[in-house]
C-alpha atoms as a PDB file:
ATOM      1  CA  GLY A   1      19.932  11.266 -18.632  1.00  0.00           C
ATOM      2  CA  ASP A   2      16.864   9.430 -17.321  1.00  0.00           C
ATOM      3  CA  ASP A   3      14.871  12.086 -16.964  1.00  0.00           C
ATOM      4  CA  ARG A   4      11.679   9.166 -14.803  1.00  0.00           C
ATOM      5  CA  SER A   5      11.578   9.922 -11.278  1.00  0.00           C
ATOM      6  CA  PRO A   6      13.600   7.100  -9.220  1.00  0.00           C
ATOM      7  CA  GLU A   7      10.442   5.333  -8.560  1.00  0.00           C
ATOM      8  CA  GLU A   8       8.954   5.186 -12.452  1.00  0.00           C
ATOM      9  CA  GLN A   9      12.597   4.137 -12.938  1.00  0.00           C
ATOM     10  CA  PHE A  10      12.102   1.350 -10.302  1.00  0.00           C
ATOM     11  CA  LEU A  11       8.652  -0.035 -11.339  1.00  0.00           C
ATOM     12  CA  SER A  12       9.367   0.335 -15.060  1.00  0.00           C
ATOM     13  CA  GLU A  13      12.730  -2.012 -14.527  1.00  0.00           C
ATOM     14  CA  ILE A  14      10.904  -4.827 -12.404  1.00  0.00           C
ATOM     15  CA  ARG A  15       7.991  -4.912 -15.051  1.00  0.00           C
ATOM     16  CA  THR A  16      10.612  -5.413 -18.329  1.00  0.00           C
ATOM     17  CA  VAL A  17      11.661  -8.350 -16.341  1.00  0.00           C
ATOM     18  CA  GLY A  18       8.205 -10.209 -15.771  1.00  0.00           C
ATOM     19  CA  VAL A  19       7.072  -8.864 -12.065  1.00  0.00           C
ATOM     20  CA  ASP A  20       3.233  -7.985 -12.047  1.00  0.00           C
ATOM     21  CA  ALA A  21       3.829  -5.148  -9.948  1.00  0.00           C
ATOM     22  CA  GLU A  22       0.316  -4.007 -10.063  1.00  0.00           C
ATOM     23  CA  ASP A  23       0.498  -2.789  -6.528  1.00  0.00           C
ATOM     24  CA  GLU A  24       2.785   0.188  -7.268  1.00  0.00           C
ATOM     25  CA  GLN A  25       2.994   1.316  -3.457  1.00  0.00           C
ATOM     26  CA  GLY A  26       3.317  -1.974  -2.340  1.00  0.00           C
ATOM     27  CA  TYR A  27       6.531  -2.549  -4.358  1.00  0.00           C
ATOM     28  CA  LEU A  28       7.930   0.332  -3.789  1.00  0.00           C
ATOM     29  CA  THR A  29       7.758   0.089  -0.095  1.00  0.00           C
ATOM     30  CA  ARG A  30       9.521  -3.033  -0.830  1.00  0.00           C
ATOM     31  CA  GLY A  31      12.151  -1.581  -2.982  1.00  0.00           C
ATOM     32  CA  ARG A  32      12.635   0.975  -0.079  1.00  0.00           C
ATOM     33  CA  ASP A  33      12.650  -1.910   2.562  1.00  0.00           C
ATOM     34  CA  ALA A  34      15.940  -3.421   0.670  1.00  0.00           C
ATOM     35  CA  CYS A  35      17.630  -0.612   0.707  1.00  0.00           C
ATOM     36  CA  ALA A  36      17.242   0.366   4.282  1.00  0.00           C
ATOM     37  CA  SER A  37      18.288  -2.974   4.983  1.00  0.00           C
ATOM     38  CA  LEU A  38      21.410  -2.452   3.286  1.00  0.00           C
ATOM     39  CA  ASP A  39      21.816   1.023   4.388  1.00  0.00           C
ATOM     40  CA  GLY A  40      21.614  -1.003   7.841  1.00  0.00           C
ATOM     41  CA  ASP A  41      24.550  -3.342   6.905  1.00  0.00           C
ATOM     42  CA  MET A  42      22.470  -6.134   5.740  1.00  0.00           C
ATOM     43  CA  GLY A  43      24.011  -8.345   3.052  1.00  0.00           C
ATOM     44  CA  TYR A  44      22.753  -8.357  -0.454  1.00  0.00           C
ATOM     45  CA  VAL A  45      22.117 -12.421   0.188  1.00  0.00           C
ATOM     46  CA  ASP A  46      20.418 -11.696   3.226  1.00  0.00           C
ATOM     47  CA  VAL A  47      18.038  -9.294   1.942  1.00  0.00           C
ATOM     48  CA  VAL A  48      17.219 -11.245  -0.987  1.00  0.00           C
ATOM     49  CA  ARG A  49      16.035 -14.244   1.607  1.00  0.00           C
ATOM     50  CA  GLN A  50      14.267 -11.487   3.946  1.00  0.00           C
ATOM     51  CA  TYR A  51      12.187 -10.366   1.024  1.00  0.00           C
ATOM     52  CA  ASN A  52      11.350 -14.111  -0.007  1.00  0.00           C
ATOM     53  CA  ASP A  53      10.636 -14.875   3.824  1.00  0.00           C
ATOM     54  CA  ALA A  54       8.205 -11.622   3.975  1.00  0.00           C
ATOM     55  CA  HIS A  55       6.298 -12.908   0.149  1.00  0.00           C
ATOM     56  CA  ALA A  56       6.562 -16.378   0.344  1.00  0.00           C
ATOM     57  CA  ASP A  57       3.860 -16.138  -2.597  1.00  0.00           C
ATOM     58  CA  ALA A  58       6.482 -14.558  -5.026  1.00  0.00           C
ATOM     59  CA  PRO A  59       8.328 -16.450  -7.072  1.00  0.00           C
ATOM     60  CA  VAL A  60      11.844 -17.019  -6.072  1.00  0.00           C
ATOM     61  CA  THR A  61      13.093 -15.406  -9.091  1.00  0.00           C
ATOM     62  CA  GLU A  62      11.457 -11.949  -7.987  1.00  0.00           C
ATOM     63  CA  ALA A  63      13.514 -11.092  -4.937  1.00  0.00           C
ATOM     64  CA  PRO A  64      16.947 -10.742  -6.923  1.00  0.00           C
ATOM     65  CA  VAL A  65      15.648  -8.263  -9.688  1.00  0.00           C
ATOM     66  CA  VAL A  66      13.190  -6.116  -7.146  1.00  0.00           C
ATOM     67  CA  VAL A  67      16.620  -5.890  -4.867  1.00  0.00           C
ATOM     68  CA  ALA A  68      18.809  -5.097  -7.462  1.00  0.00           C
ATOM     69  CA  ALA A  69      16.282  -2.604  -9.401  1.00  0.00           C
ATOM     70  CA  ALA A  70      15.704  -0.955  -6.061  1.00  0.00           C
ATOM     71  CA  VAL A  71      19.311  -0.252  -5.350  1.00  0.00           C
ATOM     72  CA  ARG A  72      19.815   1.285  -9.165  1.00  0.00           C
ATOM     73  CA  ALA A  73      16.831   3.524  -8.554  1.00  0.00           C
ATOM     74  CA  PHE A  74      16.761   4.194  -4.496  1.00  0.00           C
ATOM     75  CA  CYS A  75      20.348   3.420  -3.141  1.00  0.00           C
ATOM     76  CA  PRO A  76      22.979   3.322  -5.898  1.00  0.00           C
ATOM     77  CA  GLN A  77      25.838   3.628  -3.352  1.00  0.00           C
ATOM     78  CA  HIS A  78      25.004  -0.428  -3.028  1.00  0.00           C
ATOM     79  CA  LEU A  79      25.487  -1.583  -5.668  1.00  0.00           C
ATOM     80  CA  PRO A  80      28.905  -3.003  -5.580  1.00  0.00           C
ATOM     81  CA  GLN A  81      27.187  -5.350  -2.938  1.00  0.00           C
ATOM     82  CA  VAL A  82      24.676  -6.061  -5.742  1.00  0.00           C
ATOM     83  CA  GLY A  83      27.255  -7.105  -8.260  1.00  0.00           C
ATOM     84  CA  GLN A  84      26.412  -4.473 -10.538  1.00  0.00           C
ATOM     85  CA  ASP A  85      29.329  -1.997  -9.971  1.00  0.00           C
END
């Protein structure tokens, strides 16, 4: 099993795909916000769009990896929606 905390798992995963997560708390908040939106019945594509709107300075490739990593770490019940079932 993975004995890292969900937070460590999330940060490690997004860094592996090249996200410069220097602001760890900021990225943890982004990940948790994505899960909160999914919990609120927002679709995956809309959550990614919301992320891009909120973080216009981020590369567009960042949103899908952050959202997917957040789902795996913080709200795995949404994995089917992310197409990672």
